[in-house]
Amino acid sequence: MKILPISAKILSQLTKYSLETKFKKQITLLLSNPRHPGLHLELLEPKQHGIYSFRIDRKFRALCIFRPDTGDLEILAITVHYH
């Protein structure tokens, strides 16, 4: 599995909120072990869309999709996550 190129908008969000290092760490975890408990990876509703969410830190999450044709990971957005 590989990560597809990340959009300029997402890169600017990561920079704006100083998340670059945390994001890289979580991506490394995701590539090595998608079931790692620190990711809190979850399939979002409606499940048929295949959109997943994983934790960047306690406040921010990344939305992603695993491309069925290649198995590659595409980061769709960075969102604020409140419990």
C-alpha atoms as a PDB file:
ATOM      1  CA  MET A   1       0.000   0.000   0.000  1.00  0.00           C
ATOM      2  CA  LYS A   2       1.166   3.514  -0.734  1.00  0.00           C
ATOM      3  CA  ILE A   3      -0.165   6.975   0.044  1.00  0.00           C
ATOM      4  CA  LEU A   4      -1.461   8.917  -2.941  1.00  0.00           C
ATOM      5  CA  PRO A   5      -0.218  12.526  -3.254  1.00  0.00           C
ATOM      6  CA  ILE A   6      -1.786  14.812  -0.664  1.00  0.00           C
ATOM      7  CA  SER A   7      -3.627  17.903  -1.887  1.00  0.00           C
ATOM      8  CA  ALA A   8      -2.300  21.423  -1.299  1.00  0.00           C
ATOM      9  CA  LYS A   9      -5.347  22.198   0.842  1.00  0.00           C
ATOM     10  CA  ILE A  10      -4.622  19.319   3.218  1.00  0.00           C
ATOM     11  CA  LEU A  11      -0.928  20.194   3.353  1.00  0.00           C
ATOM     12  CA  SER A  12      -1.815  23.795   4.241  1.00  0.00           C
ATOM     13  CA  GLN A  13      -4.131  22.582   7.029  1.00  0.00           C
ATOM     14  CA  LEU A  14      -1.371  20.384   8.452  1.00  0.00           C
ATOM     15  CA  THR A  15       0.978  23.369   8.428  1.00  0.00           C
ATOM     16  CA  LYS A  16      -1.600  25.801   9.815  1.00  0.00           C
ATOM     17  CA  TYR A  17      -2.302  23.583  12.837  1.00  0.00           C
ATOM     18  CA  SER A  18       1.328  22.345  13.238  1.00  0.00           C
ATOM     19  CA  LEU A  19       0.314  18.735  12.595  1.00  0.00           C
ATOM     20  CA  GLU A  20       3.024  17.720  10.112  1.00  0.00           C
ATOM     21  CA  THR A  21       5.081  15.612  12.547  1.00  0.00           C
ATOM     22  CA  LYS A  22       2.046  13.951  14.159  1.00  0.00           C
ATOM     23  CA  PHE A  23       0.539  13.242  10.747  1.00  0.00           C
ATOM     24  CA  LYS A  24       3.758  11.623   9.466  1.00  0.00           C
ATOM     25  CA  LYS A  25       3.941   9.459  12.603  1.00  0.00           C
ATOM     26  CA  GLN A  26       0.342   8.283  12.171  1.00  0.00           C
ATOM     27  CA  ILE A  27       0.852   7.595   8.457  1.00  0.00           C
ATOM     28  CA  THR A  28       3.883   5.456   9.334  1.00  0.00           C
ATOM     29  CA  LEU A  29       1.760   3.517  11.843  1.00  0.00           C
ATOM     30  CA  LEU A  30      -1.035   3.138   9.305  1.00  0.00           C
ATOM     31  CA  LEU A  31       1.312   1.754   6.659  1.00  0.00           C
ATOM     32  CA  SER A  32       2.987  -0.676   9.043  1.00  0.00           C
ATOM     33  CA  ASN A  33      -0.068  -1.766  11.061  1.00  0.00           C
ATOM     34  CA  PRO A  34      -3.535  -0.393  10.202  1.00  0.00           C
ATOM     35  CA  ARG A  35      -4.907  -2.056  13.354  1.00  0.00           C
ATOM     36  CA  HIS A  36      -2.545  -0.184  15.673  1.00  0.00           C
ATOM     37  CA  PRO A  37      -4.616   1.019  18.673  1.00  0.00           C
ATOM     38  CA  GLY A  38      -3.092   4.518  18.541  1.00  0.00           C
ATOM     39  CA  LEU A  39      -4.748   5.152  15.183  1.00  0.00           C
ATOM     40  CA  HIS A  40      -8.347   4.604  16.285  1.00  0.00           C
ATOM     41  CA  LEU A  41      -9.067   3.663  12.660  1.00  0.00           C
ATOM     42  CA  GLU A  42     -12.799   3.373  12.049  1.00  0.00           C
ATOM     43  CA  LEU A  43     -15.116   2.904   9.088  1.00  0.00           C
ATOM     44  CA  LEU A  44     -17.566   5.795   8.976  1.00  0.00           C
ATOM     45  CA  GLU A  45     -21.277   5.677   8.254  1.00  0.00           C
ATOM     46  CA  PRO A  46     -22.654   5.063   5.680  1.00  0.00           C
ATOM     47  CA  LYS A  47     -20.263   2.137   5.471  1.00  0.00           C
ATOM     48  CA  GLN A  48     -20.873   1.468   1.778  1.00  0.00           C
ATOM     49  CA  HIS A  49     -18.902   4.648   0.925  1.00  0.00           C
ATOM     50  CA  GLY A  50     -15.748   3.078   2.391  1.00  0.00           C
ATOM     51  CA  ILE A  51     -14.514   6.251   4.108  1.00  0.00           C
ATOM     52  CA  TYR A  52     -12.292   5.725   7.133  1.00  0.00           C
ATOM     53  CA  SER A  53     -11.123   8.033   9.856  1.00  0.00           C
ATOM     54  CA  PHE A  54      -7.887   7.835  11.853  1.00  0.00           C
ATOM     55  CA  ARG A  55      -6.558   9.906  14.717  1.00  0.00           C
ATOM     56  CA  ILE A  56      -3.826  12.482  14.148  1.00  0.00           C
ATOM     57  CA  ASP A  57      -4.098  13.719  17.730  1.00  0.00           C
ATOM     58  CA  ARG A  58      -6.875  14.134  20.282  1.00  0.00           C
ATOM     59  CA  LYS A  59      -8.411  17.041  18.357  1.00  0.00           C
ATOM     60  CA  PHE A  60      -7.786  16.216  14.678  1.00  0.00           C
ATOM     61  CA  ARG A  61      -8.623  13.223  12.514  1.00  0.00           C
ATOM     62  CA  ALA A  62      -7.867  12.409   8.895  1.00  0.00           C
ATOM     63  CA  LEU A  63     -10.492  11.040   6.545  1.00  0.00           C
ATOM     64  CA  CYS A  64      -9.238   8.541   4.008  1.00  0.00           C
ATOM     65  CA  ILE A  65     -10.289   5.897   1.551  1.00  0.00           C
ATOM     66  CA  PHE A  66      -8.533   2.713   0.475  1.00  0.00           C
ATOM     67  CA  ARG A  67      -8.720   2.592  -3.326  1.00  0.00           C
ATOM     68  CA  PRO A  68     -10.221  -0.814  -4.217  1.00  0.00           C
ATOM     69  CA  ASP A  69      -8.464  -1.023  -7.586  1.00  0.00           C
ATOM     70  CA  THR A  70      -4.923  -0.472  -6.275  1.00  0.00           C
ATOM     71  CA  GLY A  71      -5.208  -0.741  -2.495  1.00  0.00           C
ATOM     72  CA  ASP A  72      -3.580   2.681  -2.225  1.00  0.00           C
ATOM     73  CA  LEU A  73      -4.607   5.127   0.482  1.00  0.00           C
ATOM     74  CA  GLU A  74      -6.015   8.546  -0.409  1.00  0.00           C
ATOM     75  CA  ILE A  75      -6.266  11.231   2.276  1.00  0.00           C
ATOM     76  CA  LEU A  76      -9.513  13.116   1.708  1.00  0.00           C
ATOM     77  CA  ALA A  77      -9.599  15.706   4.492  1.00  0.00           C
ATOM     78  CA  ILE A  78      -8.425  16.777   7.925  1.00  0.00           C
ATOM     79  CA  THR A  79     -11.283  17.323  10.375  1.00  0.00           C
ATOM     80  CA  VAL A  80     -11.790  18.504  13.935  1.00  0.00           C
ATOM     81  CA  HIS A  81     -12.980  15.675  16.170  1.00  0.00           C
ATOM     82  CA  TYR A  82     -14.741  16.339  19.433  1.00  0.00           C
ATOM     83  CA  HIS A  83     -15.876  13.627  21.848  1.00  0.00           C
END
